[in-house]
């Protein structure tokens, strides 16, 4: 199925949590409604890692905010794709963590998943993140980063109880992710591509 192959559709497989509550089928959904259990296994971005050497304090803060936004994105994505239903609440949840074309792609993928009667289940973890580019200005910011995600514990199912076989979609992989600071001073994922193995 198409929705199990694209990065955007497999975002639920990128989730770092093991026990995230599913998005409600109707009504308003917020991040707190979706749950936030689980611990991050992110590579430290502190001075000891050396990854942020050469960046100024504003850029380091932007990177840390972008990584936190990616983590929130993954929690929300797992909850939405675990439910597998293209509801107004699911759209609101996705729009809280995605921007631009990425939001449109996510919504289309969720609609395809819903039409196929599918959902994602399992757990995943972030193995590490690394900055690629950090841009900060008075008007906003953009952070491009690489993230290694272990999705090997994810599986796609139908609501009728059958597993959908596509083991290649749920593996450990590297992703190039763009996180933008947008309206409401909220960091949201605006782009993402699988970029190899890790």
Protein backbone atom coordinates (compact mmCIF):
# COMPACT_ATOMS: atom_id res chain seq x y z
CA UNK A 1 0.00 0.00 0.00
CA UNK A 2 1.20 3.49 -0.81
CA UNK A 3 0.70 4.86 2.69
CA UNK A 4 3.16 2.41 4.21
CA UNK A 5 5.97 3.46 1.85
CA UNK A 6 6.15 7.24 2.22
CA UNK A 7 8.01 8.86 5.08
CA UNK A 8 5.10 11.12 5.84
CA UNK A 9 2.69 8.20 6.13
CA UNK A 10 5.12 6.24 8.27
CA UNK A 11 5.56 9.10 10.73
CA UNK A 12 3.65 7.06 13.24
CA UNK A 13 6.43 4.52 12.88
CA UNK A 14 8.89 7.20 13.88
CA UNK A 15 7.27 7.76 17.23
CA UNK A 16 9.55 7.50 20.21
CA UNK A 17 6.92 6.51 22.69
CA UNK A 18 5.68 3.05 23.54
CA UNK A 19 2.32 3.86 25.06
CA UNK A 20 0.66 6.81 23.38
CA UNK A 21 -3.08 7.23 23.69
CA UNK A 22 -5.01 7.23 20.43
CA UNK A 23 -6.57 10.36 19.02
CA UNK A 24 -10.26 10.70 19.80
CA UNK A 25 -12.67 9.95 16.96
CA UNK A 26 -14.48 13.26 17.31
CA UNK A 27 -14.17 16.58 19.09
CA UNK A 28 -11.09 18.69 19.64
CA UNK A 29 -7.72 16.97 20.05
CA UNK A 30 -4.71 18.59 21.55
CA UNK A 31 -1.25 17.27 22.32
CA UNK A 32 -2.28 16.66 25.93
CA UNK A 33 -5.27 14.62 24.69
CA UNK A 34 -2.87 12.46 22.70
CA UNK A 35 -0.57 11.60 25.60
CA UNK A 36 3.16 11.94 26.02
CA UNK A 37 4.49 8.87 27.80
CA UNK A 38 7.90 7.43 27.05
CA UNK A 39 11.46 8.63 27.28
CA UNK A 40 13.57 10.16 24.55
CA UNK A 41 16.67 8.30 23.47
CA UNK A 42 18.05 11.30 21.62
CA UNK A 43 21.77 11.91 21.36
CA UNK A 44 22.72 14.68 23.74
CA UNK A 45 23.08 18.02 22.04
CA UNK A 46 25.05 19.44 24.95
CA UNK A 47 28.64 20.67 24.85
CA UNK A 48 30.06 17.18 25.47
CA UNK A 49 28.68 15.90 22.17
CA UNK A 50 30.52 18.50 20.09
CA UNK A 51 27.66 18.49 17.58
CA UNK A 52 26.82 22.13 18.23
CA UNK A 53 30.36 23.49 18.45
CA UNK A 54 30.54 26.66 16.40
CA UNK A 55 26.87 27.55 16.79
CA UNK A 56 25.89 30.62 18.83
CA UNK A 57 23.51 30.36 21.81
CA UNK A 58 20.45 31.40 19.74
CA UNK A 59 21.21 28.69 17.18
CA UNK A 60 21.70 26.07 19.91
CA UNK A 61 18.37 27.11 21.46
CA UNK A 62 16.68 26.89 18.04
CA UNK A 63 18.14 23.40 17.48
CA UNK A 64 16.93 22.23 20.90
CA UNK A 65 13.46 23.70 20.21
CA UNK A 66 13.37 21.99 16.79
CA UNK A 67 14.33 18.62 18.28
CA UNK A 68 11.64 19.04 20.95
CA UNK A 69 9.14 19.87 18.17
CA UNK A 70 10.20 16.75 16.27
CA UNK A 71 9.61 14.69 19.41
CA UNK A 72 6.14 16.24 19.83
CA UNK A 73 5.49 15.60 16.14
CA UNK A 74 6.37 11.95 16.54
CA UNK A 75 4.13 11.48 19.60
CA UNK A 76 1.18 13.12 17.88
CA UNK A 77 1.85 11.26 14.62
CA UNK A 78 1.89 7.88 16.34
CA UNK A 79 -1.38 8.63 18.11
CA UNK A 80 -3.09 9.74 14.90
CA UNK A 81 -1.80 6.84 12.79
CA UNK A 82 -2.55 4.37 15.57
CA UNK A 83 -6.20 5.37 15.30
CA UNK A 84 -6.00 5.39 11.48
CA UNK A 85 -9.09 7.56 11.05
CA UNK A 86 -9.25 10.78 9.03
CA UNK A 87 -11.44 12.76 11.44
CA UNK A 88 -11.58 16.51 12.09
CA UNK A 89 -9.79 15.87 15.41
CA UNK A 90 -7.03 14.00 13.59
CA UNK A 91 -6.62 16.91 11.14
CA UNK A 92 -6.35 19.39 14.02
CA UNK A 93 -3.76 17.18 15.70
CA UNK A 94 -1.71 16.92 12.49
CA UNK A 95 -1.94 20.66 11.86
CA UNK A 96 -0.51 21.29 15.32
CA UNK A 97 2.76 19.57 14.33
CA UNK A 98 3.00 19.91 10.51
CA UNK A 99 3.18 22.93 8.21
CA UNK A 100 2.73 23.61 4.51
CA UNK A 101 2.91 20.83 1.96
CA UNK A 102 3.92 18.33 4.64
CA UNK A 103 0.55 18.85 6.35
CA UNK A 104 -1.27 18.31 3.05
CA UNK A 105 0.77 15.14 2.42
CA UNK A 106 0.10 13.82 5.94
CA UNK A 107 -3.63 14.44 5.62
CA UNK A 108 -3.75 12.69 2.24
CA UNK A 109 -1.81 9.73 3.63
CA UNK A 110 -4.12 9.46 6.64
CA UNK A 111 -7.14 9.58 4.34
CA UNK A 112 -5.63 6.75 2.28
CA UNK A 113 -4.94 4.77 5.45
CA UNK A 114 -8.51 5.30 6.62
CA UNK A 115 -9.89 4.22 3.22
CA UNK A 116 -7.75 1.06 3.41
CA UNK A 117 -9.10 0.43 6.94
CA UNK A 118 -5.53 0.50 8.26
CA UNK A 119 -3.58 1.69 11.27
CA UNK A 120 -0.07 1.50 12.72
CA UNK A 121 0.87 -0.16 15.98
CA UNK A 122 4.04 -0.72 17.97
CA UNK A 123 6.90 1.41 19.16
CA UNK A 124 9.91 3.19 17.76
CA UNK A 125 12.80 5.25 19.06
CA UNK A 126 15.06 8.08 18.02
CA UNK A 127 18.62 6.76 18.07
CA UNK A 128 20.30 10.13 17.38
CA UNK A 129 19.86 13.58 15.84
CA UNK A 130 22.46 15.84 14.20
CA UNK A 131 22.16 19.42 12.97
CA UNK A 132 22.60 20.10 9.25
CA UNK A 133 21.67 23.79 9.09
CA UNK A 134 20.34 26.23 11.66
CA UNK A 135 18.94 29.59 10.57
CA UNK A 136 17.64 32.07 13.13
CA UNK A 137 16.30 35.57 12.57
CA UNK A 138 13.97 38.02 14.27
CA UNK A 139 11.17 36.74 12.00
CA UNK A 140 11.56 33.03 12.76
CA UNK A 141 13.83 30.11 12.19
CA UNK A 142 14.52 26.93 10.24
CA UNK A 143 16.41 23.89 11.41
CA UNK A 144 17.42 21.07 9.09
CA UNK A 145 18.56 17.95 10.90
CA UNK A 146 19.25 14.27 10.40
CA UNK A 147 17.53 11.83 12.68
CA UNK A 148 18.17 8.10 12.97
CA UNK A 149 14.92 6.35 13.80
CA UNK A 150 14.48 2.70 14.74
CA UNK A 151 11.00 1.68 13.54
CA UNK A 152 11.62 -2.07 13.61
CA UNK A 153 8.91 -2.62 16.24
CA UNK A 154 6.19 -1.00 14.06
CA UNK A 155 3.63 -2.90 12.00
CA UNK A 156 0.68 -1.91 9.83
CA UNK A 157 -2.64 -3.65 10.42
CA UNK A 158 -6.20 -3.47 9.18
CA UNK A 159 -8.97 -2.77 11.66
CA UNK A 160 -10.33 -6.17 10.61
CA UNK A 161 -7.35 -7.78 12.36
CA UNK A 162 -4.94 -8.61 9.55
CA UNK A 163 -1.31 -7.51 9.31
CA UNK A 164 -0.30 -5.63 6.18
CA UNK A 165 3.07 -6.95 5.08
CA UNK A 166 5.64 -4.32 4.24
CA UNK A 167 8.55 -4.97 6.57
CA UNK A 168 10.83 -2.70 4.53
CA UNK A 169 8.73 0.31 5.55
CA UNK A 170 9.48 -0.29 9.23
CA UNK A 171 13.22 -0.46 9.64
CA UNK A 172 15.99 1.61 11.15
CA UNK A 173 16.56 4.55 8.81
CA UNK A 174 17.99 8.07 8.62
CA UNK A 175 15.72 10.98 7.78
CA UNK A 176 16.46 14.55 6.76
CA UNK A 177 13.86 16.72 8.50
CA UNK A 178 13.08 20.44 8.23
CA UNK A 179 11.47 22.11 11.24
CA UNK A 180 10.25 25.72 10.89
CA UNK A 181 9.26 28.29 13.48
CA UNK A 182 5.91 29.56 12.23
CA UNK A 183 2.78 31.29 13.37
CA UNK A 184 2.21 31.43 17.08
CA UNK A 185 5.94 30.90 17.66
CA UNK A 186 5.36 27.17 17.17
CA UNK A 187 7.96 24.88 15.63
CA UNK A 188 6.42 22.46 13.10
CA UNK A 189 7.82 19.87 10.70
CA UNK A 190 7.60 21.26 7.18
CA UNK A 191 9.55 18.59 5.32
CA UNK A 192 11.00 15.13 5.69
CA UNK A 193 12.66 12.54 3.52
CA UNK A 194 14.17 9.16 4.20
CA UNK A 195 17.84 9.64 3.38
CA UNK A 196 19.48 6.25 3.96
CA UNK A 197 20.30 3.81 6.69
CA UNK A 198 21.83 4.40 10.10
